[in-house]
Amino acid sequence: MTLSLAGTLKTRGKQAAKWLIGYDSRNWLRIRQIEAFTAFLETDGRKSLAVIEISPGWNRYWKTLCSDYRSVDFPEFDICKDRSDRQYPIVIADQVLEHVQRPIAAAGNIHAMTRPGGWAMVATPFLFRVHARPHDYNRWTPTGLKQLMVEGGFAEADVQTYGWGNKACAKAHIGGPVRAYGLWRDLSNDEEYPLMVWAFAKKG
């Protein structure tokens, strides 16, 4: 048996064992945000619309769900000063706004890239360690993220913001890697401890 085949079998064996015992490998920190984004895209056929993601350069999660997907990578595509020539019905900025130096300018360009009647989907951490890609500048509460989107050009009535987190999840992420949901970790929400914050902003 070759080493590569042995490695593949070992990996699949671990995956099968995790499945059998109910281990969930999804990102505990982001699980509720990802569920919210997925539900939003699956409503009214949005996942079949043209989607552009301003990506931090490592995440292509939404590519697998959206049939007409393209991405531009920050910081090469600097959302603080760059915008696409085309407007899109869906613009996603997932885990990128904390890394931008001029967030109001970034929100303005997200607004400019969103087609009238279209949506911007934005997610960013709040209670999470500094993680530079290449820099880490900002954190927002749900109220703060709503204000940012309004200052970027979206009408206040057209911005919905949410947050999720709890003490157990916050404690688990102090001084360590991003953790899997694992074996039924706590998914209750404590509004005083949001780890992840997100927004759906419609362009009127």
N, C-alpha and C. Protein backbone atom coordinates (compact mmCIF):
# COMPACT_ATOMS: atom_id res chain seq x y z
N MET A 1 0.85 -1.19 0.00
CA MET A 1 0.00 0.00 0.00
C MET A 1 0.88 1.25 0.00
N THR A 2 0.58 2.18 -0.90
CA THR A 2 1.39 3.40 -0.97
C THR A 2 1.07 4.30 0.21
N LEU A 3 2.01 5.21 0.49
CA LEU A 3 1.81 6.15 1.59
C LEU A 3 0.62 7.07 1.33
N SER A 4 0.44 7.49 0.07
CA SER A 4 -0.68 8.39 -0.23
C SER A 4 -2.02 7.69 -0.05
N LEU A 5 -2.10 6.41 -0.44
CA LEU A 5 -3.34 5.66 -0.26
C LEU A 5 -3.61 5.44 1.23
N ALA A 6 -2.55 5.13 1.98
CA ALA A 6 -2.71 4.94 3.43
C ALA A 6 -3.19 6.22 4.09
N GLY A 7 -2.63 7.34 3.65
CA GLY A 7 -3.05 8.63 4.20
C GLY A 7 -4.50 8.95 3.89
N THR A 8 -4.91 8.65 2.65
CA THR A 8 -6.31 8.87 2.25
C THR A 8 -7.26 8.02 3.07
N LEU A 9 -6.92 6.75 3.24
CA LEU A 9 -7.76 5.85 4.03
C LEU A 9 -7.85 6.28 5.49
N LYS A 10 -6.73 6.76 6.03
CA LYS A 10 -6.72 7.23 7.42
C LYS A 10 -7.63 8.45 7.58
N THR A 11 -7.53 9.38 6.62
CA THR A 11 -8.37 10.59 6.66
C THR A 11 -9.84 10.22 6.58
N ARG A 12 -10.18 9.33 5.65
CA ARG A 12 -11.58 8.92 5.50
C ARG A 12 -12.08 8.17 6.72
N GLY A 13 -11.20 7.40 7.32
CA GLY A 13 -11.57 6.69 8.54
C GLY A 13 -11.90 7.64 9.67
N LYS A 14 -11.08 8.70 9.80
CA LYS A 14 -11.35 9.72 10.83
C LYS A 14 -12.66 10.43 10.56
N GLN A 15 -12.91 10.75 9.28
CA GLN A 15 -14.16 11.43 8.93
C GLN A 15 -15.36 10.56 9.25
N ALA A 16 -15.26 9.27 8.94
CA ALA A 16 -16.37 8.35 9.21
C ALA A 16 -16.62 8.22 10.71
N ALA A 17 -15.52 8.16 11.49
CA ALA A 17 -15.66 8.04 12.95
C ALA A 17 -16.32 9.29 13.52
N LYS A 18 -15.92 10.47 13.03
CA LYS A 18 -16.54 11.72 13.49
C LYS A 18 -18.03 11.74 13.17
N TRP A 19 -18.36 11.29 11.96
CA TRP A 19 -19.77 11.27 11.55
C TRP A 19 -20.58 10.34 12.45
N LEU A 20 -20.01 9.17 12.77
CA LEU A 20 -20.72 8.18 13.58
C LEU A 20 -21.00 8.68 14.99
N ILE A 21 -20.08 9.45 15.55
CA ILE A 21 -20.29 9.92 16.92
C ILE A 21 -20.96 11.29 16.97
N GLY A 22 -21.28 11.85 15.80
CA GLY A 22 -21.99 13.13 15.76
C GLY A 22 -21.10 14.34 15.86
N TYR A 23 -19.79 14.20 15.55
CA TYR A 23 -18.86 15.33 15.60
C TYR A 23 -19.12 16.25 14.42
N ASP A 24 -19.25 17.54 14.68
CA ASP A 24 -19.53 18.53 13.65
C ASP A 24 -18.29 19.38 13.42
N SER A 25 -17.71 19.29 12.24
CA SER A 25 -16.45 19.98 11.97
C SER A 25 -16.64 21.42 11.49
N ARG A 26 -17.89 21.91 11.44
CA ARG A 26 -18.10 23.29 11.03
C ARG A 26 -17.49 24.26 12.05
N ASN A 27 -17.18 25.44 11.56
CA ASN A 27 -16.55 26.48 12.37
C ASN A 27 -17.53 26.98 13.43
N TRP A 28 -17.24 26.70 14.69
CA TRP A 28 -18.12 27.08 15.79
C TRP A 28 -18.34 28.59 15.82
N LEU A 29 -17.29 29.34 15.58
CA LEU A 29 -17.35 30.80 15.60
C LEU A 29 -18.33 31.34 14.56
N ARG A 30 -18.41 30.68 13.39
CA ARG A 30 -19.16 31.22 12.26
C ARG A 30 -20.43 30.44 11.93
N ILE A 31 -20.72 29.40 12.67
CA ILE A 31 -21.78 28.48 12.27
C ILE A 31 -23.12 29.18 12.06
N ARG A 32 -23.51 30.08 12.97
CA ARG A 32 -24.80 30.77 12.83
C ARG A 32 -24.78 31.77 11.67
N GLN A 33 -23.66 32.44 11.44
CA GLN A 33 -23.55 33.37 10.32
C GLN A 33 -23.62 32.62 9.00
N ILE A 34 -22.94 31.49 8.91
CA ILE A 34 -22.97 30.71 7.67
C ILE A 34 -24.38 30.18 7.41
N GLU A 35 -25.06 29.74 8.46
CA GLU A 35 -26.44 29.29 8.31
C GLU A 35 -27.33 30.44 7.81
N ALA A 36 -27.13 31.64 8.35
CA ALA A 36 -27.93 32.81 7.96
C ALA A 36 -27.66 33.18 6.50
N PHE A 37 -26.39 33.20 6.09
CA PHE A 37 -26.06 33.51 4.71
C PHE A 37 -26.63 32.46 3.76
N THR A 38 -26.51 31.19 4.13
CA THR A 38 -27.02 30.10 3.29
C THR A 38 -28.52 30.23 3.10
N ALA A 39 -29.24 30.45 4.21
CA ALA A 39 -30.70 30.60 4.13
C ALA A 39 -31.07 31.80 3.27
N PHE A 40 -30.34 32.90 3.41
CA PHE A 40 -30.62 34.10 2.62
C PHE A 40 -30.43 33.83 1.13
N LEU A 41 -29.34 33.15 0.77
CA LEU A 41 -29.07 32.88 -0.63
C LEU A 41 -30.05 31.87 -1.23
N GLU A 42 -30.55 30.97 -0.40
CA GLU A 42 -31.48 29.96 -0.89
C GLU A 42 -32.92 30.47 -0.98
N THR A 43 -33.17 31.67 -0.48
CA THR A 43 -34.51 32.27 -0.55
C THR A 43 -34.68 33.01 -1.88
N ASP A 44 -35.83 32.84 -2.49
CA ASP A 44 -36.19 33.57 -3.72
C ASP A 44 -35.18 33.38 -4.85
N GLY A 45 -34.50 32.25 -4.89
CA GLY A 45 -33.58 31.95 -5.98
C GLY A 45 -32.35 32.82 -6.03
N ARG A 46 -31.98 33.44 -4.91
CA ARG A 46 -30.83 34.35 -4.93
C ARG A 46 -29.52 33.65 -5.30
N LYS A 47 -29.38 32.37 -4.96
CA LYS A 47 -28.12 31.68 -5.23
C LYS A 47 -27.87 31.48 -6.73
N SER A 48 -28.91 31.69 -7.56
CA SER A 48 -28.74 31.58 -9.01
C SER A 48 -28.43 32.93 -9.65
N LEU A 49 -28.47 34.00 -8.87
CA LEU A 49 -28.15 35.33 -9.40
C LEU A 49 -26.64 35.52 -9.51
N ALA A 50 -26.22 36.54 -10.25
CA ALA A 50 -24.80 36.85 -10.35
C ALA A 50 -24.30 37.36 -8.99
N VAL A 51 -23.23 36.76 -8.52
CA VAL A 51 -22.67 37.06 -7.20
C VAL A 51 -21.20 37.45 -7.37
N ILE A 52 -20.79 38.50 -6.68
CA ILE A 52 -19.37 38.81 -6.57
C ILE A 52 -19.00 38.84 -5.10
N GLU A 53 -17.87 38.23 -4.77
CA GLU A 53 -17.38 38.25 -3.39
C GLU A 53 -16.07 39.01 -3.33
N ILE A 54 -16.00 39.98 -2.42
CA ILE A 54 -14.73 40.59 -2.09
C ILE A 54 -14.16 39.70 -1.00
N SER A 55 -13.15 38.95 -1.35
CA SER A 55 -12.66 37.87 -0.49
C SER A 55 -11.37 38.28 0.21
N PRO A 56 -11.13 37.76 1.42
CA PRO A 56 -9.84 37.98 2.06
C PRO A 56 -8.74 37.15 1.42
N GLY A 57 -9.08 36.39 0.39
CA GLY A 57 -8.06 35.66 -0.36
C GLY A 57 -7.95 34.19 -0.02
N TRP A 58 -8.74 33.74 0.96
CA TRP A 58 -8.61 32.34 1.38
C TRP A 58 -9.95 31.61 1.39
N ASN A 59 -11.03 32.34 1.28
CA ASN A 59 -12.34 31.74 1.49
C ASN A 59 -13.12 31.71 0.18
N ARG A 60 -13.52 30.52 -0.26
CA ARG A 60 -14.38 30.37 -1.43
C ARG A 60 -15.64 29.59 -1.06
N TYR A 61 -16.09 29.77 0.16
CA TYR A 61 -17.22 29.00 0.67
C TYR A 61 -18.46 29.17 -0.19
N TRP A 62 -18.74 30.40 -0.63
CA TRP A 62 -19.99 30.68 -1.34
C TRP A 62 -19.93 30.27 -2.80
N LYS A 63 -18.75 29.98 -3.29
CA LYS A 63 -18.60 29.52 -4.67
C LYS A 63 -19.35 28.20 -4.90
N THR A 64 -19.35 27.34 -3.90
CA THR A 64 -19.98 26.03 -4.05
C THR A 64 -21.50 26.13 -4.07
N LEU A 65 -22.05 27.21 -3.53
CA LEU A 65 -23.50 27.37 -3.45
C LEU A 65 -24.07 28.19 -4.61
N CYS A 66 -23.30 29.14 -5.10
CA CYS A 66 -23.81 30.10 -6.09
C CYS A 66 -23.35 29.69 -7.49
N SER A 67 -24.30 29.60 -8.41
CA SER A 67 -23.99 29.10 -9.75
C SER A 67 -23.30 30.13 -10.64
N ASP A 68 -23.51 31.42 -10.37
CA ASP A 68 -22.89 32.48 -11.18
C ASP A 68 -22.03 33.33 -10.24
N TYR A 69 -20.87 32.77 -9.90
CA TYR A 69 -20.02 33.34 -8.85
C TYR A 69 -18.70 33.83 -9.44
N ARG A 70 -18.26 34.98 -8.95
CA ARG A 70 -16.88 35.41 -9.21
C ARG A 70 -16.37 36.07 -7.95
N SER A 71 -15.05 36.18 -7.83
CA SER A 71 -14.47 36.82 -6.65
C SER A 71 -13.31 37.70 -7.05
N VAL A 72 -13.06 38.69 -6.18
CA VAL A 72 -11.86 39.52 -6.27
C VAL A 72 -11.22 39.49 -4.89
N ASP A 73 -9.90 39.43 -4.88
CA ASP A 73 -9.20 39.21 -3.62
C ASP A 73 -8.61 40.49 -3.06
N PHE A 74 -8.95 40.75 -1.80
CA PHE A 74 -8.32 41.82 -1.02
C PHE A 74 -7.02 41.25 -0.44
N PRO A 75 -5.91 42.00 -0.42
CA PRO A 75 -5.77 43.44 -0.68
C PRO A 75 -5.42 43.81 -2.12
N GLU A 76 -5.18 42.80 -3.01
CA GLU A 76 -4.88 43.16 -4.39
C GLU A 76 -6.00 44.00 -4.99
N PHE A 77 -7.23 43.58 -4.75
CA PHE A 77 -8.40 44.40 -5.06
C PHE A 77 -8.73 45.14 -3.77
N ASP A 78 -8.36 46.41 -3.71
CA ASP A 78 -8.51 47.19 -2.48
C ASP A 78 -9.89 47.83 -2.45
N ILE A 79 -10.81 47.22 -1.72
CA ILE A 79 -12.20 47.68 -1.70
C ILE A 79 -12.33 49.11 -1.15
N CYS A 80 -11.29 49.61 -0.50
CA CYS A 80 -11.31 51.01 -0.05
C CYS A 80 -11.23 51.99 -1.23
N LYS A 81 -10.62 51.55 -2.34
CA LYS A 81 -10.49 52.46 -3.49
C LYS A 81 -10.93 51.83 -4.80
N ASP A 82 -11.06 50.51 -4.84
CA ASP A 82 -11.43 49.82 -6.07
C ASP A 82 -12.90 49.41 -6.05
N ARG A 83 -13.48 49.37 -7.23
CA ARG A 83 -14.84 48.84 -7.39
C ARG A 83 -14.94 48.24 -8.78
N SER A 84 -15.83 47.30 -8.94
CA SER A 84 -16.02 46.69 -10.26
C SER A 84 -16.79 47.66 -11.16
N ASP A 85 -16.59 47.52 -12.46
CA ASP A 85 -17.34 48.35 -13.41
C ASP A 85 -18.80 47.92 -13.46
N ARG A 86 -19.03 46.66 -13.17
CA ARG A 86 -20.38 46.10 -13.23
C ARG A 86 -21.03 46.12 -11.85
N GLN A 87 -22.35 46.27 -11.83
CA GLN A 87 -23.11 46.14 -10.59
C GLN A 87 -23.71 44.74 -10.51
N TYR A 88 -23.82 44.22 -9.30
CA TYR A 88 -24.27 42.84 -9.09
C TYR A 88 -25.51 42.80 -8.20
N PRO A 89 -26.37 41.80 -8.40
CA PRO A 89 -27.51 41.64 -7.51
C PRO A 89 -27.12 41.18 -6.12
N ILE A 90 -25.97 40.51 -6.00
CA ILE A 90 -25.47 40.07 -4.69
C ILE A 90 -23.99 40.41 -4.59
N VAL A 91 -23.62 41.16 -3.55
CA VAL A 91 -22.21 41.47 -3.25
C VAL A 91 -21.92 40.93 -1.86
N ILE A 92 -20.90 40.09 -1.76
CA ILE A 92 -20.54 39.47 -0.48
C ILE A 92 -19.18 39.98 -0.02
N ALA A 93 -19.12 40.41 1.23
CA ALA A 93 -17.84 40.76 1.86
C ALA A 93 -17.81 39.99 3.17
N ASP A 94 -17.25 38.80 3.13
CA ASP A 94 -17.28 37.86 4.26
C ASP A 94 -15.90 37.78 4.89
N GLN A 95 -15.76 38.31 6.10
CA GLN A 95 -14.50 38.29 6.85
C GLN A 95 -13.41 39.13 6.17
N VAL A 96 -13.81 40.29 5.66
CA VAL A 96 -12.81 41.15 5.03
C VAL A 96 -12.79 42.57 5.60
N LEU A 97 -13.94 43.10 6.06
CA LEU A 97 -13.97 44.51 6.46
C LEU A 97 -13.10 44.82 7.68
N GLU A 98 -12.85 43.82 8.52
CA GLU A 98 -11.97 44.08 9.66
C GLU A 98 -10.54 44.39 9.21
N HIS A 99 -10.21 44.04 7.97
CA HIS A 99 -8.85 44.20 7.46
C HIS A 99 -8.63 45.48 6.67
N VAL A 100 -9.69 46.26 6.44
CA VAL A 100 -9.54 47.45 5.59
C VAL A 100 -9.19 48.68 6.41
N GLN A 101 -8.40 49.55 5.83
CA GLN A 101 -7.93 50.74 6.53
C GLN A 101 -8.99 51.84 6.57
N ARG A 102 -9.84 51.90 5.53
CA ARG A 102 -10.86 52.96 5.45
C ARG A 102 -12.24 52.30 5.25
N PRO A 103 -12.85 51.85 6.32
CA PRO A 103 -14.08 51.06 6.19
C PRO A 103 -15.26 51.81 5.59
N ILE A 104 -15.38 53.12 5.82
CA ILE A 104 -16.50 53.86 5.23
C ILE A 104 -16.34 53.90 3.70
N ALA A 105 -15.13 54.10 3.25
CA ALA A 105 -14.88 54.06 1.80
C ALA A 105 -15.19 52.68 1.25
N ALA A 106 -14.81 51.63 1.99
CA ALA A 106 -15.10 50.26 1.55
C ALA A 106 -16.60 50.02 1.46
N ALA A 107 -17.34 50.46 2.47
CA ALA A 107 -18.80 50.30 2.46
C ALA A 107 -19.41 51.07 1.29
N GLY A 108 -18.87 52.24 0.97
CA GLY A 108 -19.34 53.01 -0.17
C GLY A 108 -19.12 52.29 -1.48
N ASN A 109 -17.99 51.61 -1.62
CA ASN A 109 -17.71 50.87 -2.84
C ASN A 109 -18.56 49.61 -2.94
N ILE A 110 -18.83 48.99 -1.80
CA ILE A 110 -19.76 47.85 -1.79
C ILE A 110 -21.13 48.32 -2.27
N HIS A 111 -21.58 49.48 -1.77
CA HIS A 111 -22.85 50.06 -2.21
C HIS A 111 -22.83 50.32 -3.71
N ALA A 112 -21.73 50.87 -4.22
CA ALA A 112 -21.63 51.19 -5.65
C ALA A 112 -21.65 49.93 -6.51
N MET A 113 -21.13 48.82 -6.00
CA MET A 113 -21.08 47.57 -6.76
C MET A 113 -22.41 46.81 -6.71
N THR A 114 -23.31 47.23 -5.82
CA THR A 114 -24.60 46.55 -5.67
C THR A 114 -25.62 47.16 -6.62
N ARG A 115 -26.29 46.32 -7.36
CA ARG A 115 -27.31 46.76 -8.31
C ARG A 115 -28.53 47.28 -7.55
N PRO A 116 -29.21 48.32 -8.04
CA PRO A 116 -30.45 48.74 -7.39
C PRO A 116 -31.41 47.56 -7.25
N GLY A 117 -31.94 47.39 -6.05
CA GLY A 117 -32.76 46.23 -5.74
C GLY A 117 -31.97 45.03 -5.28
N GLY A 118 -30.64 45.11 -5.35
CA GLY A 118 -29.78 44.01 -4.95
C GLY A 118 -29.38 44.11 -3.49
N TRP A 119 -28.56 43.15 -3.08
CA TRP A 119 -28.20 43.01 -1.66
C TRP A 119 -26.68 42.94 -1.46
N ALA A 120 -26.22 43.55 -0.40
CA ALA A 120 -24.86 43.35 0.10
C ALA A 120 -24.95 42.47 1.34
N MET A 121 -24.11 41.45 1.40
CA MET A 121 -24.04 40.55 2.54
C MET A 121 -22.65 40.71 3.16
N VAL A 122 -22.61 41.18 4.38
CA VAL A 122 -21.34 41.50 5.03
C VAL A 122 -21.23 40.76 6.36
N ALA A 123 -20.09 40.16 6.61
CA ALA A 123 -19.86 39.50 7.91
C ALA A 123 -18.45 39.82 8.39
N THR A 124 -18.34 40.03 9.69
CA THR A 124 -17.05 40.37 10.29
C THR A 124 -17.06 39.97 11.76
N PRO A 125 -15.91 39.60 12.32
CA PRO A 125 -15.90 39.21 13.73
C PRO A 125 -15.95 40.41 14.66
N PHE A 126 -16.37 40.17 15.88
CA PHE A 126 -16.29 41.19 16.92
C PHE A 126 -15.35 40.71 18.03
N LEU A 127 -15.77 39.75 18.84
CA LEU A 127 -14.90 39.23 19.90
C LEU A 127 -14.03 38.11 19.33
N PHE A 128 -12.97 38.50 18.68
CA PHE A 128 -12.05 37.52 18.08
C PHE A 128 -10.66 38.12 18.06
N ARG A 129 -9.66 37.26 18.14
CA ARG A 129 -8.28 37.72 18.24
C ARG A 129 -7.85 38.50 17.00
N VAL A 130 -6.80 39.28 17.14
CA VAL A 130 -6.21 40.00 16.01
C VAL A 130 -5.66 38.97 15.03
N HIS A 131 -6.00 39.14 13.77
CA HIS A 131 -5.53 38.22 12.72
C HIS A 131 -5.27 39.05 11.46
N ALA A 132 -4.03 39.32 11.19
CA ALA A 132 -3.65 40.25 10.13
C ALA A 132 -3.61 39.55 8.77
N ARG A 133 -4.34 40.13 7.81
CA ARG A 133 -4.31 39.64 6.42
C ARG A 133 -4.38 40.82 5.46
N PRO A 134 -3.44 41.68 5.29
CA PRO A 134 -2.17 41.72 6.00
C PRO A 134 -2.23 42.52 7.30
N HIS A 135 -3.36 43.23 7.56
CA HIS A 135 -3.52 44.01 8.78
C HIS A 135 -4.90 43.74 9.36
N ASP A 136 -5.08 44.07 10.62
CA ASP A 136 -6.37 43.92 11.28
C ASP A 136 -6.67 45.24 11.98
N TYR A 137 -7.68 45.96 11.48
CA TYR A 137 -7.94 47.32 11.95
C TYR A 137 -9.21 47.49 12.79
N ASN A 138 -10.26 46.74 12.50
CA ASN A 138 -11.58 47.15 12.96
C ASN A 138 -12.40 46.02 13.58
N ARG A 139 -13.34 46.43 14.47
CA ARG A 139 -14.38 45.55 15.02
C ARG A 139 -15.66 46.37 15.14
N TRP A 140 -16.81 45.73 14.88
CA TRP A 140 -18.10 46.40 15.03
C TRP A 140 -19.09 45.51 15.79
N THR A 141 -19.90 46.15 16.60
CA THR A 141 -21.10 45.51 17.16
C THR A 141 -22.15 45.48 16.04
N PRO A 142 -23.28 44.78 16.23
CA PRO A 142 -24.34 44.85 15.21
C PRO A 142 -24.80 46.28 14.93
N THR A 143 -24.93 47.10 15.97
CA THR A 143 -25.33 48.50 15.78
C THR A 143 -24.27 49.27 15.01
N GLY A 144 -23.01 49.01 15.33
CA GLY A 144 -21.92 49.68 14.64
C GLY A 144 -21.83 49.29 13.18
N LEU A 145 -22.05 48.00 12.89
CA LEU A 145 -22.02 47.56 11.49
C LEU A 145 -23.16 48.19 10.70
N LYS A 146 -24.33 48.30 11.31
CA LYS A 146 -25.45 48.96 10.63
C LYS A 146 -25.09 50.40 10.31
N GLN A 147 -24.51 51.11 11.25
CA GLN A 147 -24.13 52.50 11.02
C GLN A 147 -23.09 52.60 9.90
N LEU A 148 -22.17 51.67 9.84
CA LEU A 148 -21.17 51.66 8.77
C LEU A 148 -21.84 51.52 7.41
N MET A 149 -22.80 50.60 7.30
CA MET A 149 -23.47 50.39 6.02
C MET A 149 -24.30 51.62 5.63
N VAL A 150 -24.89 52.27 6.63
CA VAL A 150 -25.65 53.50 6.36
C VAL A 150 -24.71 54.60 5.86
N GLU A 151 -23.56 54.74 6.50
CA GLU A 151 -22.59 55.75 6.07
C GLU A 151 -22.03 55.42 4.69
N GLY A 152 -22.10 54.14 4.31
CA GLY A 152 -21.67 53.74 2.97
C GLY A 152 -22.70 54.01 1.89
N GLY A 153 -23.93 54.38 2.29
CA GLY A 153 -24.92 54.75 1.29
C GLY A 153 -26.23 53.98 1.34
N PHE A 154 -26.31 52.93 2.15
CA PHE A 154 -27.55 52.17 2.27
C PHE A 154 -28.51 52.89 3.21
N ALA A 155 -29.81 52.84 2.90
CA ALA A 155 -30.81 53.45 3.77
C ALA A 155 -30.92 52.65 5.06
N GLU A 156 -31.06 53.34 6.18
CA GLU A 156 -31.11 52.68 7.48
C GLU A 156 -32.21 51.62 7.53
N ALA A 157 -33.36 51.91 6.94
CA ALA A 157 -34.47 50.96 6.97
C ALA A 157 -34.19 49.71 6.15
N ASP A 158 -33.18 49.76 5.28
CA ASP A 158 -32.87 48.64 4.40
C ASP A 158 -31.68 47.83 4.88
N VAL A 159 -31.22 48.06 6.10
CA VAL A 159 -30.08 47.32 6.65
C VAL A 159 -30.54 46.52 7.86
N GLN A 160 -30.34 45.22 7.82
CA GLN A 160 -30.65 44.33 8.94
C GLN A 160 -29.33 43.76 9.46
N THR A 161 -29.09 43.89 10.76
CA THR A 161 -27.84 43.35 11.31
C THR A 161 -28.14 42.35 12.42
N TYR A 162 -27.19 41.43 12.58
CA TYR A 162 -27.33 40.34 13.54
C TYR A 162 -25.98 40.07 14.19
N GLY A 163 -26.02 39.43 15.33
CA GLY A 163 -24.79 38.99 15.98
C GLY A 163 -25.03 37.67 16.67
N TRP A 164 -23.98 36.89 16.81
CA TRP A 164 -24.08 35.64 17.55
C TRP A 164 -22.81 35.41 18.35
N GLY A 165 -22.99 34.86 19.54
CA GLY A 165 -21.84 34.47 20.35
C GLY A 165 -22.27 34.11 21.76
N ASN A 166 -21.34 33.59 22.53
CA ASN A 166 -21.58 33.32 23.95
C ASN A 166 -20.23 33.19 24.64
N LYS A 167 -20.25 33.15 25.96
CA LYS A 167 -19.00 33.13 26.72
C LYS A 167 -18.18 31.88 26.44
N ALA A 168 -18.85 30.74 26.29
CA ALA A 168 -18.12 29.49 26.07
C ALA A 168 -17.34 29.54 24.77
N CYS A 169 -17.98 30.06 23.72
CA CYS A 169 -17.30 30.15 22.43
C CYS A 169 -16.16 31.18 22.50
N ALA A 170 -16.39 32.29 23.16
CA ALA A 170 -15.34 33.30 23.31
C ALA A 170 -14.15 32.73 24.06
N LYS A 171 -14.41 32.01 25.14
CA LYS A 171 -13.34 31.43 25.95
C LYS A 171 -12.55 30.40 25.15
N ALA A 172 -13.24 29.61 24.34
CA ALA A 172 -12.59 28.56 23.56
C ALA A 172 -11.64 29.12 22.51
N HIS A 173 -11.88 30.35 22.07
CA HIS A 173 -11.06 30.93 21.00
C HIS A 173 -9.95 31.83 21.53
N ILE A 174 -9.83 31.95 22.84
CA ILE A 174 -8.74 32.75 23.40
C ILE A 174 -7.45 31.94 23.34
N GLY A 175 -6.47 32.47 22.64
CA GLY A 175 -5.15 31.86 22.61
C GLY A 175 -5.05 30.57 21.84
N GLY A 176 -6.02 30.31 20.97
CA GLY A 176 -5.96 29.06 20.22
C GLY A 176 -6.50 29.21 18.83
N PRO A 177 -6.54 28.12 18.08
CA PRO A 177 -7.02 28.16 16.70
C PRO A 177 -8.53 28.28 16.63
N VAL A 178 -9.03 28.56 15.43
CA VAL A 178 -10.47 28.51 15.20
C VAL A 178 -10.91 27.07 15.43
N ARG A 179 -11.96 26.89 16.22
CA ARG A 179 -12.35 25.55 16.64
C ARG A 179 -13.60 25.07 15.92
N ALA A 180 -13.67 23.75 15.79
CA ALA A 180 -14.85 23.13 15.21
C ALA A 180 -15.99 23.16 16.23
N TYR A 181 -17.22 23.08 15.72
CA TYR A 181 -18.38 22.98 16.60
C TYR A 181 -18.25 21.73 17.47
N GLY A 182 -17.70 20.68 16.91
CA GLY A 182 -17.37 19.50 17.70
C GLY A 182 -18.58 18.71 18.14
N LEU A 183 -18.57 18.29 19.40
CA LEU A 183 -19.65 17.48 19.95
C LEU A 183 -20.63 18.37 20.70
N TRP A 184 -21.58 18.90 19.95
CA TRP A 184 -22.70 19.63 20.53
C TRP A 184 -22.27 20.76 21.47
N ARG A 185 -21.37 21.61 21.00
CA ARG A 185 -21.00 22.79 21.79
C ARG A 185 -22.20 23.73 21.90
N ASP A 186 -22.09 24.67 22.81
CA ASP A 186 -23.19 25.59 23.10
C ASP A 186 -23.44 26.53 21.92
N LEU A 187 -24.67 26.53 21.41
CA LEU A 187 -25.05 27.45 20.33
C LEU A 187 -26.06 28.49 20.79
N SER A 188 -26.23 28.61 22.12
CA SER A 188 -27.11 29.67 22.61
C SER A 188 -26.46 31.03 22.33
N ASN A 189 -27.29 32.06 22.22
CA ASN A 189 -26.79 33.39 21.89
C ASN A 189 -26.87 34.31 23.10
N ASP A 190 -25.76 34.94 23.44
CA ASP A 190 -25.71 35.95 24.48
C ASP A 190 -25.39 37.28 23.80
N GLU A 191 -26.35 38.19 23.77
CA GLU A 191 -26.20 39.44 23.02
C GLU A 191 -25.05 40.30 23.52
N GLU A 192 -24.58 40.04 24.74
CA GLU A 192 -23.46 40.82 25.27
C GLU A 192 -22.11 40.26 24.82
N TYR A 193 -22.11 39.10 24.17
CA TYR A 193 -20.86 38.47 23.74
C TYR A 193 -20.92 38.04 22.27
N PRO A 194 -21.15 38.99 21.36
CA PRO A 194 -21.17 38.59 19.94
C PRO A 194 -19.76 38.29 19.43
N LEU A 195 -19.57 37.09 18.92
CA LEU A 195 -18.29 36.77 18.29
C LEU A 195 -18.31 37.09 16.81
N MET A 196 -19.48 36.92 16.20
CA MET A 196 -19.62 37.19 14.78
C MET A 196 -20.80 38.13 14.56
N VAL A 197 -20.62 39.08 13.65
CA VAL A 197 -21.64 40.09 13.34
C VAL A 197 -21.83 40.10 11.83
N TRP A 198 -23.09 40.22 11.38
CA TRP A 198 -23.32 40.25 9.94
C TRP A 198 -24.50 41.16 9.60
N ALA A 199 -24.54 41.51 8.31
CA ALA A 199 -25.58 42.43 7.82
C ALA A 199 -26.07 42.00 6.46
N PHE A 200 -27.36 42.24 6.23
CA PHE A 200 -27.98 42.17 4.89
C PHE A 200 -28.45 43.58 4.58
N ALA A 201 -27.91 44.18 3.54
CA ALA A 201 -28.23 45.56 3.19
C ALA A 201 -28.77 45.61 1.78
N LYS A 202 -29.99 46.10 1.62
CA LYS A 202 -30.61 46.19 0.30
C LYS A 202 -30.41 47.59 -0.27
N LYS A 203 -30.05 47.63 -1.55
CA LYS A 203 -29.88 48.91 -2.21
C LYS A 203 -31.19 49.34 -2.84
N GLY A 204 -31.73 50.46 -2.38
CA GLY A 204 -33.02 50.93 -2.87
C GLY A 204 -32.95 51.43 -4.29
